[in-house]
């Protein structure tokens, strides 16, 4: 779908592949590959492409059910005692139906190793509740944030790390008022 929409938008602007490539400072072969469905442009380039063709990135991506461009809003600690940082880091592609319900965060720290490592990107579905055992992003205290596994315990919840060297944190009774769920981690993507 992306390739067909790109080709239609390019032709609608009266541009050849070579002319569009020159505007974007890429090769004509890159544009041809995108139109043939062999690849997607990098997220930053997708935004420049949409501007050059006077269409929305969502249009090019085909809307619901196709690849969506999700903002990486900042960092989340895989540990405790660090601020939840909103420091926009760019965009990532994910194949999801309702992109407005999602955000991405870059993981910092080692408490979720070996499965989730520093620098990985976590796709988070915004939702206020989790089922015991699910991974989530949590806000607590004075703007601190963390990515952990959620467990219900008598009278509260425990946020658990995958790394056995890292302690869990329990929120019981009145402590629960200071804990909120940003959302459920539905996917992580490793960075190399």
N, C-alpha and C. Protein backbone atom coordinates (compact mmCIF):
# COMPACT_ATOMS: atom_id res chain seq x y z
N UNK A 1 0.82 -1.19 0.00
CA UNK A 1 0.00 0.00 0.00
C UNK A 1 0.86 1.26 0.00
N UNK A 2 1.96 1.28 0.80
CA UNK A 2 2.82 2.45 0.86
C UNK A 2 3.34 2.81 -0.52
N UNK A 3 3.86 1.82 -1.24
CA UNK A 3 4.44 2.08 -2.56
C UNK A 3 3.44 2.67 -3.53
N UNK A 4 2.22 2.12 -3.53
CA UNK A 4 1.18 2.62 -4.45
C UNK A 4 0.79 4.05 -4.09
N UNK A 5 0.66 4.32 -2.80
CA UNK A 5 0.30 5.68 -2.39
C UNK A 5 1.42 6.67 -2.66
N UNK A 6 2.64 6.25 -2.47
CA UNK A 6 3.78 7.11 -2.77
C UNK A 6 3.81 7.45 -4.25
N UNK A 7 3.65 6.44 -5.09
CA UNK A 7 3.67 6.65 -6.53
C UNK A 7 2.53 7.59 -6.95
N UNK A 8 1.33 7.38 -6.40
CA UNK A 8 0.19 8.24 -6.75
C UNK A 8 0.44 9.68 -6.31
N UNK A 9 0.98 9.87 -5.11
CA UNK A 9 1.24 11.24 -4.62
C UNK A 9 2.33 11.91 -5.45
N UNK A 10 3.37 11.14 -5.81
CA UNK A 10 4.45 11.69 -6.63
C UNK A 10 3.93 12.12 -7.99
N UNK A 11 3.15 11.25 -8.62
CA UNK A 11 2.58 11.59 -9.93
C UNK A 11 1.61 12.76 -9.82
N UNK A 12 0.86 12.80 -8.73
CA UNK A 12 -0.06 13.91 -8.50
C UNK A 12 0.64 15.25 -8.42
N UNK A 13 1.88 15.25 -7.99
CA UNK A 13 2.68 16.48 -7.93
C UNK A 13 3.44 16.73 -9.23
N UNK A 14 3.30 15.81 -10.20
CA UNK A 14 3.97 15.96 -11.48
C UNK A 14 5.47 15.74 -11.40
N UNK A 15 5.92 14.93 -10.47
CA UNK A 15 7.36 14.69 -10.29
C UNK A 15 7.76 13.32 -10.82
N UNK A 16 8.96 13.26 -11.37
CA UNK A 16 9.55 11.96 -11.71
C UNK A 16 10.22 11.41 -10.45
N UNK A 17 10.59 10.13 -10.50
CA UNK A 17 11.32 9.56 -9.37
C UNK A 17 12.63 10.32 -9.15
N UNK A 18 13.30 10.66 -10.24
CA UNK A 18 14.58 11.36 -10.14
C UNK A 18 14.41 12.75 -9.52
N UNK A 19 13.34 13.47 -9.90
CA UNK A 19 13.10 14.79 -9.33
C UNK A 19 12.82 14.71 -7.83
N UNK A 20 11.99 13.73 -7.44
CA UNK A 20 11.69 13.57 -6.01
C UNK A 20 12.96 13.18 -5.25
N UNK A 21 13.75 12.29 -5.82
CA UNK A 21 15.00 11.87 -5.18
C UNK A 21 15.93 13.06 -4.97
N UNK A 22 16.01 13.94 -5.96
CA UNK A 22 16.87 15.11 -5.85
C UNK A 22 16.40 16.02 -4.71
N UNK A 23 15.09 16.21 -4.56
CA UNK A 23 14.55 17.03 -3.48
C UNK A 23 14.90 16.46 -2.11
N UNK A 24 14.88 15.14 -2.02
CA UNK A 24 15.12 14.47 -0.74
C UNK A 24 16.59 14.15 -0.49
N UNK A 25 17.42 14.36 -1.53
CA UNK A 25 18.86 14.04 -1.47
C UNK A 25 19.08 12.55 -1.23
N UNK A 26 18.33 11.76 -1.99
CA UNK A 26 18.51 10.31 -2.01
C UNK A 26 18.67 9.89 -3.46
N UNK A 27 18.93 8.64 -3.69
CA UNK A 27 19.06 8.17 -5.06
C UNK A 27 17.69 7.87 -5.67
N UNK A 28 17.65 7.90 -6.99
CA UNK A 28 16.42 7.53 -7.69
C UNK A 28 16.10 6.07 -7.40
N UNK A 29 17.12 5.25 -7.21
CA UNK A 29 16.91 3.84 -6.91
C UNK A 29 16.19 3.66 -5.56
N UNK A 30 16.47 4.53 -4.61
CA UNK A 30 15.78 4.46 -3.31
C UNK A 30 14.29 4.72 -3.49
N UNK A 31 13.95 5.74 -4.26
CA UNK A 31 12.55 6.05 -4.52
C UNK A 31 11.88 4.88 -5.24
N UNK A 32 12.56 4.32 -6.23
CA UNK A 32 12.01 3.18 -6.96
C UNK A 32 11.77 2.00 -6.03
N UNK A 33 12.70 1.75 -5.13
CA UNK A 33 12.57 0.64 -4.18
C UNK A 33 11.38 0.86 -3.25
N UNK A 34 11.18 2.10 -2.79
CA UNK A 34 10.03 2.40 -1.92
C UNK A 34 8.73 2.15 -2.68
N UNK A 35 8.68 2.62 -3.92
CA UNK A 35 7.45 2.46 -4.71
C UNK A 35 7.17 1.00 -5.04
N UNK A 36 8.22 0.21 -5.17
CA UNK A 36 8.04 -1.21 -5.47
C UNK A 36 7.69 -2.03 -4.22
N UNK A 37 7.74 -1.40 -3.07
CA UNK A 37 7.42 -2.10 -1.83
C UNK A 37 8.59 -2.86 -1.24
N UNK A 38 9.79 -2.58 -1.71
CA UNK A 38 10.96 -3.29 -1.22
C UNK A 38 11.52 -2.75 0.08
N UNK A 39 11.10 -1.56 0.49
CA UNK A 39 11.62 -0.95 1.72
C UNK A 39 10.75 0.25 2.09
N UNK A 40 10.90 0.67 3.33
CA UNK A 40 10.30 1.92 3.80
C UNK A 40 11.42 2.90 4.09
N UNK A 41 11.20 4.20 3.88
CA UNK A 41 12.24 5.17 4.22
C UNK A 41 12.39 5.27 5.73
N UNK A 42 13.54 5.77 6.18
CA UNK A 42 13.74 6.02 7.60
C UNK A 42 12.67 7.01 8.07
N UNK A 43 12.26 6.94 9.35
CA UNK A 43 11.16 7.79 9.82
C UNK A 43 11.34 9.28 9.54
N UNK A 44 12.52 9.83 9.77
CA UNK A 44 12.73 11.26 9.50
C UNK A 44 12.58 11.58 8.03
N UNK A 45 13.01 10.66 7.18
CA UNK A 45 12.89 10.84 5.74
C UNK A 45 11.43 10.72 5.30
N UNK A 46 10.67 9.88 5.99
CA UNK A 46 9.25 9.77 5.66
C UNK A 46 8.55 11.10 5.85
N UNK A 47 8.87 11.80 6.92
CA UNK A 47 8.24 13.10 7.16
C UNK A 47 8.63 14.11 6.07
N UNK A 48 9.90 14.10 5.66
CA UNK A 48 10.34 14.98 4.57
C UNK A 48 9.64 14.60 3.27
N UNK A 49 9.47 13.32 3.04
CA UNK A 49 8.79 12.82 1.84
C UNK A 49 7.34 13.30 1.82
N UNK A 50 6.66 13.18 2.95
CA UNK A 50 5.26 13.63 3.04
C UNK A 50 5.16 15.14 2.77
N UNK A 51 6.09 15.90 3.34
CA UNK A 51 6.07 17.36 3.10
C UNK A 51 6.31 17.67 1.62
N UNK A 52 7.27 16.98 1.01
CA UNK A 52 7.58 17.23 -0.40
C UNK A 52 6.39 16.92 -1.31
N UNK A 53 5.58 15.95 -0.91
CA UNK A 53 4.43 15.55 -1.74
C UNK A 53 3.12 16.19 -1.29
N UNK A 54 3.21 17.00 -0.22
CA UNK A 54 2.04 17.71 0.32
C UNK A 54 0.93 16.73 0.73
N UNK A 55 1.32 15.66 1.41
CA UNK A 55 0.37 14.69 1.97
C UNK A 55 0.81 14.39 3.40
N UNK A 56 -0.06 13.76 4.17
CA UNK A 56 0.29 13.34 5.51
C UNK A 56 1.05 12.03 5.50
N UNK A 57 1.93 11.85 6.46
CA UNK A 57 2.65 10.58 6.59
C UNK A 57 1.67 9.44 6.78
N UNK A 58 0.57 9.70 7.49
CA UNK A 58 -0.44 8.67 7.72
C UNK A 58 -1.05 8.19 6.41
N UNK A 59 -1.25 9.12 5.48
CA UNK A 59 -1.78 8.74 4.16
C UNK A 59 -0.82 7.78 3.47
N UNK A 60 0.46 8.14 3.46
CA UNK A 60 1.44 7.30 2.79
C UNK A 60 1.53 5.91 3.42
N UNK A 61 1.37 5.86 4.73
CA UNK A 61 1.47 4.59 5.45
C UNK A 61 0.21 3.74 5.35
N UNK A 62 -0.84 4.29 4.78
CA UNK A 62 -2.04 3.49 4.55
C UNK A 62 -3.05 3.49 5.66
N UNK A 63 -2.84 4.30 6.70
CA UNK A 63 -3.81 4.36 7.79
C UNK A 63 -3.83 3.10 8.61
N UNK A 64 -4.98 2.77 9.17
CA UNK A 64 -5.12 1.65 10.09
C UNK A 64 -4.73 0.33 9.44
N UNK A 65 -4.04 -0.48 10.21
CA UNK A 65 -3.68 -1.81 9.75
C UNK A 65 -2.38 -1.89 9.00
N UNK A 66 -1.74 -0.79 8.74
CA UNK A 66 -0.46 -0.80 8.05
C UNK A 66 0.62 -0.30 8.97
N UNK A 67 1.82 -0.11 8.45
CA UNK A 67 2.87 0.41 9.31
C UNK A 67 2.52 1.82 9.77
N UNK A 68 2.75 2.10 11.04
CA UNK A 68 2.45 3.41 11.60
C UNK A 68 3.72 4.01 12.16
N UNK A 69 3.81 5.31 12.10
CA UNK A 69 4.95 6.06 12.61
C UNK A 69 4.61 6.49 14.03
N UNK A 70 5.28 5.92 15.02
CA UNK A 70 4.99 6.17 16.44
C UNK A 70 6.11 7.01 17.02
N UNK A 71 5.77 8.09 17.74
CA UNK A 71 6.83 8.93 18.31
C UNK A 71 7.55 8.22 19.46
N UNK A 72 8.88 8.38 19.49
CA UNK A 72 9.67 7.94 20.63
C UNK A 72 9.77 9.17 21.52
N UNK A 73 8.95 9.19 22.59
CA UNK A 73 8.79 10.40 23.39
C UNK A 73 9.94 10.66 24.35
N UNK A 74 10.73 9.67 24.64
CA UNK A 74 11.85 9.88 25.55
C UNK A 74 12.33 8.58 26.12
N UNK A 75 12.92 8.69 27.31
CA UNK A 75 13.52 7.54 27.98
C UNK A 75 12.63 7.04 29.10
N UNK A 76 12.76 5.75 29.40
CA UNK A 76 12.17 5.19 30.61
C UNK A 76 13.24 4.33 31.25
N UNK A 77 13.35 4.41 32.56
CA UNK A 77 14.37 3.65 33.27
C UNK A 77 13.93 2.21 33.45
N UNK A 78 14.85 1.30 33.25
CA UNK A 78 14.67 -0.08 33.64
C UNK A 78 15.39 -0.19 34.98
N UNK A 79 14.84 0.47 35.96
CA UNK A 79 15.40 0.59 37.30
C UNK A 79 14.53 1.56 38.07
N UNK A 80 14.90 1.86 39.28
CA UNK A 80 14.13 2.79 40.10
C UNK A 80 14.98 4.01 40.41
N UNK A 81 14.30 5.09 40.81
CA UNK A 81 15.00 6.27 41.27
C UNK A 81 15.44 7.22 40.18
N UNK A 82 14.78 7.20 39.03
CA UNK A 82 15.15 8.12 37.96
C UNK A 82 13.90 8.81 37.42
N UNK A 83 14.06 10.03 36.99
CA UNK A 83 12.94 10.77 36.43
C UNK A 83 12.44 10.14 35.15
N UNK A 84 11.13 10.25 34.94
CA UNK A 84 10.55 9.88 33.65
C UNK A 84 10.83 11.06 32.74
N UNK A 85 11.59 10.84 31.70
CA UNK A 85 12.06 11.93 30.85
C UNK A 85 11.23 12.00 29.59
N UNK A 86 10.73 13.16 29.28
CA UNK A 86 10.10 13.37 27.99
C UNK A 86 11.07 14.20 27.17
N UNK A 87 11.81 13.52 26.36
CA UNK A 87 12.84 14.12 25.53
C UNK A 87 12.70 13.50 24.15
N UNK A 88 11.91 14.10 23.26
CA UNK A 88 11.62 13.46 21.98
C UNK A 88 12.88 12.97 21.28
N UNK A 89 12.83 11.71 20.84
CA UNK A 89 14.00 11.08 20.24
C UNK A 89 13.79 10.69 18.78
N UNK A 90 12.62 10.94 18.22
CA UNK A 90 12.37 10.57 16.83
C UNK A 90 11.13 9.72 16.69
N UNK A 91 11.15 8.84 15.70
CA UNK A 91 9.99 8.00 15.40
C UNK A 91 10.45 6.59 15.07
N UNK A 92 9.53 5.63 15.24
CA UNK A 92 9.74 4.24 14.87
C UNK A 92 8.50 3.74 14.12
N UNK A 93 8.69 2.81 13.20
CA UNK A 93 7.58 2.17 12.51
C UNK A 93 7.11 0.95 13.30
N UNK A 94 5.80 0.80 13.45
CA UNK A 94 5.21 -0.40 14.00
C UNK A 94 3.94 -0.71 13.22
N UNK A 95 3.64 -1.98 13.05
CA UNK A 95 2.44 -2.41 12.32
C UNK A 95 1.31 -2.59 13.32
N UNK A 96 0.57 -1.50 13.58
CA UNK A 96 -0.53 -1.51 14.56
C UNK A 96 -1.74 -0.81 13.97
N UNK A 97 -2.90 -1.16 14.50
CA UNK A 97 -4.15 -0.65 13.94
C UNK A 97 -4.53 0.74 14.44
N UNK A 98 -4.19 1.10 15.66
CA UNK A 98 -4.65 2.36 16.24
C UNK A 98 -3.47 3.15 16.80
N UNK A 99 -2.67 3.76 15.94
CA UNK A 99 -1.42 4.38 16.39
C UNK A 99 -1.58 5.48 17.43
N UNK A 100 -2.73 6.13 17.49
CA UNK A 100 -2.94 7.19 18.48
C UNK A 100 -2.93 6.69 19.91
N UNK A 101 -3.08 5.39 20.10
CA UNK A 101 -3.10 4.81 21.44
C UNK A 101 -1.71 4.38 21.92
N UNK A 102 -0.67 4.65 21.14
CA UNK A 102 0.66 4.13 21.44
C UNK A 102 1.70 5.24 21.52
N UNK A 103 2.76 4.93 22.23
CA UNK A 103 3.96 5.76 22.25
C UNK A 103 5.15 4.83 22.38
N UNK A 104 6.31 5.34 22.11
CA UNK A 104 7.55 4.56 22.26
C UNK A 104 8.44 5.26 23.26
N UNK A 105 9.21 4.45 23.98
CA UNK A 105 10.19 4.96 24.92
C UNK A 105 11.49 4.18 24.74
N UNK A 106 12.60 4.86 24.86
CA UNK A 106 13.91 4.21 24.82
C UNK A 106 14.24 3.74 26.23
N UNK A 107 14.67 2.49 26.36
CA UNK A 107 14.96 1.90 27.66
C UNK A 107 16.36 2.30 28.12
N UNK A 108 16.46 2.70 29.38
CA UNK A 108 17.75 3.03 30.00
C UNK A 108 17.90 2.18 31.25
N UNK A 109 19.06 1.61 31.45
CA UNK A 109 19.33 0.81 32.64
C UNK A 109 19.34 -0.67 32.33
N UNK A 110 19.64 -1.48 33.35
CA UNK A 110 19.84 -2.91 33.13
C UNK A 110 18.92 -3.81 33.96
N UNK A 111 17.93 -3.28 34.63
CA UNK A 111 17.12 -4.13 35.51
C UNK A 111 16.23 -5.11 34.75
N UNK A 112 16.03 -4.91 33.45
CA UNK A 112 15.18 -5.83 32.69
C UNK A 112 16.00 -6.76 31.80
N UNK A 113 17.32 -6.74 31.98
CA UNK A 113 18.16 -7.68 31.24
C UNK A 113 17.99 -9.08 31.82
N UNK A 114 18.11 -10.12 31.04
CA UNK A 114 18.70 -10.14 29.70
C UNK A 114 17.69 -9.92 28.58
N UNK A 115 16.39 -9.87 28.88
CA UNK A 115 15.39 -9.80 27.80
C UNK A 115 15.25 -8.42 27.19
N UNK A 116 15.37 -7.38 27.99
CA UNK A 116 15.26 -6.00 27.50
C UNK A 116 16.53 -5.29 27.91
N UNK A 117 17.20 -4.70 26.94
CA UNK A 117 18.51 -4.09 27.19
C UNK A 117 18.47 -2.58 27.01
N UNK A 118 19.48 -1.95 27.56
CA UNK A 118 19.65 -0.50 27.40
C UNK A 118 19.64 -0.16 25.91
N UNK A 119 18.86 0.86 25.55
CA UNK A 119 18.78 1.31 24.16
C UNK A 119 17.65 0.68 23.37
N UNK A 120 17.06 -0.40 23.88
CA UNK A 120 15.92 -1.00 23.18
C UNK A 120 14.76 -0.01 23.16
N UNK A 121 13.88 -0.16 22.20
CA UNK A 121 12.69 0.69 22.09
C UNK A 121 11.48 -0.12 22.57
N UNK A 122 10.73 0.45 23.51
CA UNK A 122 9.52 -0.19 24.04
C UNK A 122 8.30 0.47 23.43
N UNK A 123 7.45 -0.34 22.79
CA UNK A 123 6.16 0.14 22.28
C UNK A 123 5.16 -0.01 23.41
N UNK A 124 4.53 1.10 23.81
CA UNK A 124 3.65 1.13 24.97
C UNK A 124 2.25 1.52 24.53
N UNK A 125 1.27 0.66 24.86
CA UNK A 125 -0.14 0.99 24.61
C UNK A 125 -0.65 1.72 25.83
N UNK A 126 -1.14 2.94 25.63
CA UNK A 126 -1.64 3.74 26.75
C UNK A 126 -2.88 3.06 27.34
N UNK A 127 -2.80 2.69 28.61
CA UNK A 127 -3.95 2.11 29.31
C UNK A 127 -3.70 2.22 30.80
N UNK A 128 -4.75 2.46 31.59
CA UNK A 128 -4.58 2.71 33.02
C UNK A 128 -4.55 1.46 33.89
N UNK A 129 -4.78 0.29 33.34
CA UNK A 129 -4.81 -0.94 34.14
C UNK A 129 -4.03 -2.04 33.45
N UNK A 130 -3.49 -2.95 34.27
CA UNK A 130 -2.75 -4.10 33.76
C UNK A 130 -3.24 -5.36 34.46
N UNK A 131 -3.00 -6.48 33.83
CA UNK A 131 -3.24 -7.79 34.43
C UNK A 131 -1.93 -8.24 35.06
N UNK A 132 -2.02 -8.93 36.19
CA UNK A 132 -0.83 -9.42 36.86
C UNK A 132 0.03 -10.23 35.89
N UNK A 133 1.31 -9.91 35.85
CA UNK A 133 2.26 -10.58 34.97
C UNK A 133 2.62 -9.79 33.72
N UNK A 134 1.84 -8.76 33.39
CA UNK A 134 2.14 -7.97 32.20
C UNK A 134 3.26 -6.97 32.48
N UNK A 135 3.95 -6.58 31.40
CA UNK A 135 4.97 -5.53 31.50
C UNK A 135 4.29 -4.19 31.34
N UNK A 136 4.78 -3.20 32.08
CA UNK A 136 4.20 -1.88 31.97
C UNK A 136 5.21 -0.79 32.24
N UNK A 137 4.79 0.43 31.96
CA UNK A 137 5.55 1.62 32.31
C UNK A 137 4.76 2.32 33.40
N UNK A 138 5.45 2.64 34.49
CA UNK A 138 4.81 3.17 35.69
C UNK A 138 5.43 4.52 36.06
N UNK A 139 4.58 5.40 36.58
CA UNK A 139 5.02 6.68 37.11
C UNK A 139 4.76 6.65 38.61
N UNK A 140 5.71 7.18 39.40
CA UNK A 140 5.56 7.18 40.84
C UNK A 140 6.35 8.34 41.43
N UNK A 141 6.10 8.62 42.70
CA UNK A 141 6.85 9.67 43.40
C UNK A 141 6.70 11.02 42.72
N UNK A 142 7.79 11.72 42.60
CA UNK A 142 7.80 13.06 42.00
C UNK A 142 8.24 13.00 40.54
N UNK A 143 7.50 12.27 39.72
CA UNK A 143 7.80 12.20 38.30
C UNK A 143 8.80 11.14 37.92
N UNK A 144 9.05 10.17 38.82
CA UNK A 144 9.94 9.08 38.47
C UNK A 144 9.18 8.07 37.62
N UNK A 145 9.90 7.37 36.78
CA UNK A 145 9.27 6.39 35.91
C UNK A 145 10.12 5.14 35.79
N UNK A 146 9.46 4.01 35.51
CA UNK A 146 10.17 2.75 35.35
C UNK A 146 9.39 1.79 34.47
N UNK A 147 10.10 0.85 33.86
CA UNK A 147 9.52 -0.24 33.09
C UNK A 147 9.74 -1.51 33.92
N UNK A 148 8.66 -2.19 34.27
CA UNK A 148 8.75 -3.39 35.11
C UNK A 148 7.60 -4.34 34.80
N UNK A 149 7.71 -5.57 35.37
CA UNK A 149 6.61 -6.53 35.32
C UNK A 149 5.71 -6.24 36.52
N UNK A 150 4.41 -6.21 36.26
CA UNK A 150 3.39 -5.87 37.25
C UNK A 150 2.87 -7.15 37.90
N UNK A 151 2.85 -7.19 39.24
CA UNK A 151 2.29 -8.32 39.98
C UNK A 151 1.37 -7.80 41.07
N UNK A 152 0.17 -8.37 41.12
CA UNK A 152 -0.74 -8.05 42.23
C UNK A 152 -0.32 -8.88 43.43
N UNK A 153 -0.27 -8.25 44.60
CA UNK A 153 0.02 -8.93 45.86
C UNK A 153 -1.05 -8.51 46.85
N UNK A 154 -1.21 -9.23 47.95
CA UNK A 154 -2.23 -8.84 48.93
C UNK A 154 -2.02 -7.39 49.40
N UNK A 155 -3.03 -6.57 49.18
CA UNK A 155 -2.99 -5.18 49.61
C UNK A 155 -2.22 -4.23 48.73
N UNK A 156 -1.72 -4.68 47.57
CA UNK A 156 -0.96 -3.78 46.73
C UNK A 156 -0.42 -4.43 45.47
N UNK A 157 0.68 -3.89 44.99
CA UNK A 157 1.33 -4.41 43.79
C UNK A 157 2.84 -4.44 43.99
N UNK A 158 3.49 -5.31 43.23
CA UNK A 158 4.95 -5.39 43.22
C UNK A 158 5.40 -5.17 41.77
N UNK A 159 6.40 -4.34 41.61
CA UNK A 159 7.00 -4.10 40.30
C UNK A 159 8.31 -4.86 40.28
N UNK A 160 8.42 -5.84 39.35
CA UNK A 160 9.53 -6.77 39.33
C UNK A 160 10.46 -6.54 38.14
N UNK A 161 11.74 -6.76 38.38
CA UNK A 161 12.75 -6.71 37.34
C UNK A 161 12.98 -8.12 36.81
N UNK A 162 13.47 -8.25 35.57
CA UNK A 162 13.91 -9.54 35.06
C UNK A 162 15.30 -9.90 35.60
N UNK A 163 16.12 -8.90 35.80
CA UNK A 163 17.49 -9.09 36.27
C UNK A 163 17.44 -9.50 37.74
N UNK A 164 17.91 -10.71 38.09
CA UNK A 164 17.83 -11.18 39.47
C UNK A 164 18.67 -10.34 40.45
N UNK A 165 19.59 -9.56 39.95
CA UNK A 165 20.42 -8.71 40.82
C UNK A 165 19.68 -7.43 41.25
N UNK A 166 18.51 -7.17 40.67
CA UNK A 166 17.76 -5.95 40.96
C UNK A 166 16.54 -6.27 41.82
N UNK A 167 16.35 -5.49 42.85
CA UNK A 167 15.25 -5.70 43.78
C UNK A 167 13.93 -5.22 43.18
N UNK A 168 12.83 -5.86 43.63
CA UNK A 168 11.49 -5.43 43.26
C UNK A 168 11.09 -4.28 44.18
N UNK A 169 10.08 -3.54 43.79
CA UNK A 169 9.51 -2.48 44.62
C UNK A 169 8.05 -2.81 44.88
N UNK A 170 7.64 -2.67 46.13
CA UNK A 170 6.24 -2.94 46.48
C UNK A 170 5.55 -1.64 46.85
N UNK A 171 4.32 -1.53 46.40
CA UNK A 171 3.46 -0.39 46.70
C UNK A 171 2.23 -0.96 47.39
N UNK A 172 2.08 -0.67 48.67
CA UNK A 172 1.01 -1.25 49.48
C UNK A 172 0.25 -0.13 50.18
N UNK A 173 -1.07 -0.31 50.30
CA UNK A 173 -1.91 0.65 51.02
C UNK A 173 -1.82 2.04 50.43
N UNK A 174 -1.46 3.01 51.28
CA UNK A 174 -1.39 4.40 50.86
C UNK A 174 -0.35 4.68 49.79
N UNK A 175 0.67 3.80 49.68
CA UNK A 175 1.69 3.98 48.64
C UNK A 175 1.11 3.89 47.23
N UNK A 176 -0.02 3.15 47.12
CA UNK A 176 -0.63 2.97 45.81
C UNK A 176 -1.11 4.28 45.20
N UNK A 177 -1.45 5.25 46.05
CA UNK A 177 -1.93 6.55 45.55
C UNK A 177 -0.85 7.26 44.74
N UNK A 178 0.41 6.96 45.02
CA UNK A 178 1.51 7.61 44.31
C UNK A 178 2.00 6.85 43.09
N UNK A 179 1.30 5.77 42.72
CA UNK A 179 1.71 4.95 41.58
C UNK A 179 0.64 5.02 40.50
N UNK A 180 1.05 5.27 39.27
CA UNK A 180 0.09 5.23 38.16
C UNK A 180 0.69 4.44 37.01
N UNK A 181 -0.19 3.86 36.23
CA UNK A 181 0.21 3.05 35.07
C UNK A 181 0.10 3.93 33.84
N UNK A 182 1.21 4.13 33.14
CA UNK A 182 1.19 4.85 31.88
C UNK A 182 0.64 3.96 30.78
N UNK A 183 1.05 2.67 30.79
CA UNK A 183 0.55 1.77 29.77
C UNK A 183 1.24 0.42 29.82
N UNK A 184 0.81 -0.46 28.91
CA UNK A 184 1.33 -1.82 28.81
C UNK A 184 2.38 -1.89 27.71
N UNK A 185 3.51 -2.49 28.02
CA UNK A 185 4.55 -2.71 27.01
C UNK A 185 4.11 -3.90 26.18
N UNK A 186 3.83 -3.65 24.90
CA UNK A 186 3.34 -4.71 24.02
C UNK A 186 4.43 -5.29 23.13
N UNK A 187 5.52 -4.56 22.99
CA UNK A 187 6.62 -5.04 22.14
C UNK A 187 7.87 -4.26 22.48
N UNK A 188 9.01 -4.92 22.39
CA UNK A 188 10.27 -4.21 22.46
C UNK A 188 11.07 -4.54 21.21
N UNK A 189 11.87 -3.59 20.83
CA UNK A 189 12.69 -3.75 19.62
C UNK A 189 14.13 -3.50 20.02
N UNK A 190 14.98 -4.46 19.75
CA UNK A 190 16.39 -4.33 20.11
C UNK A 190 17.09 -3.34 19.20
N UNK A 191 18.04 -2.65 19.77
CA UNK A 191 18.88 -1.78 18.96
C UNK A 191 20.29 -2.36 18.97
N UNK A 192 20.98 -2.26 17.85
CA UNK A 192 22.32 -2.85 17.74
C UNK A 192 23.33 -1.78 17.50
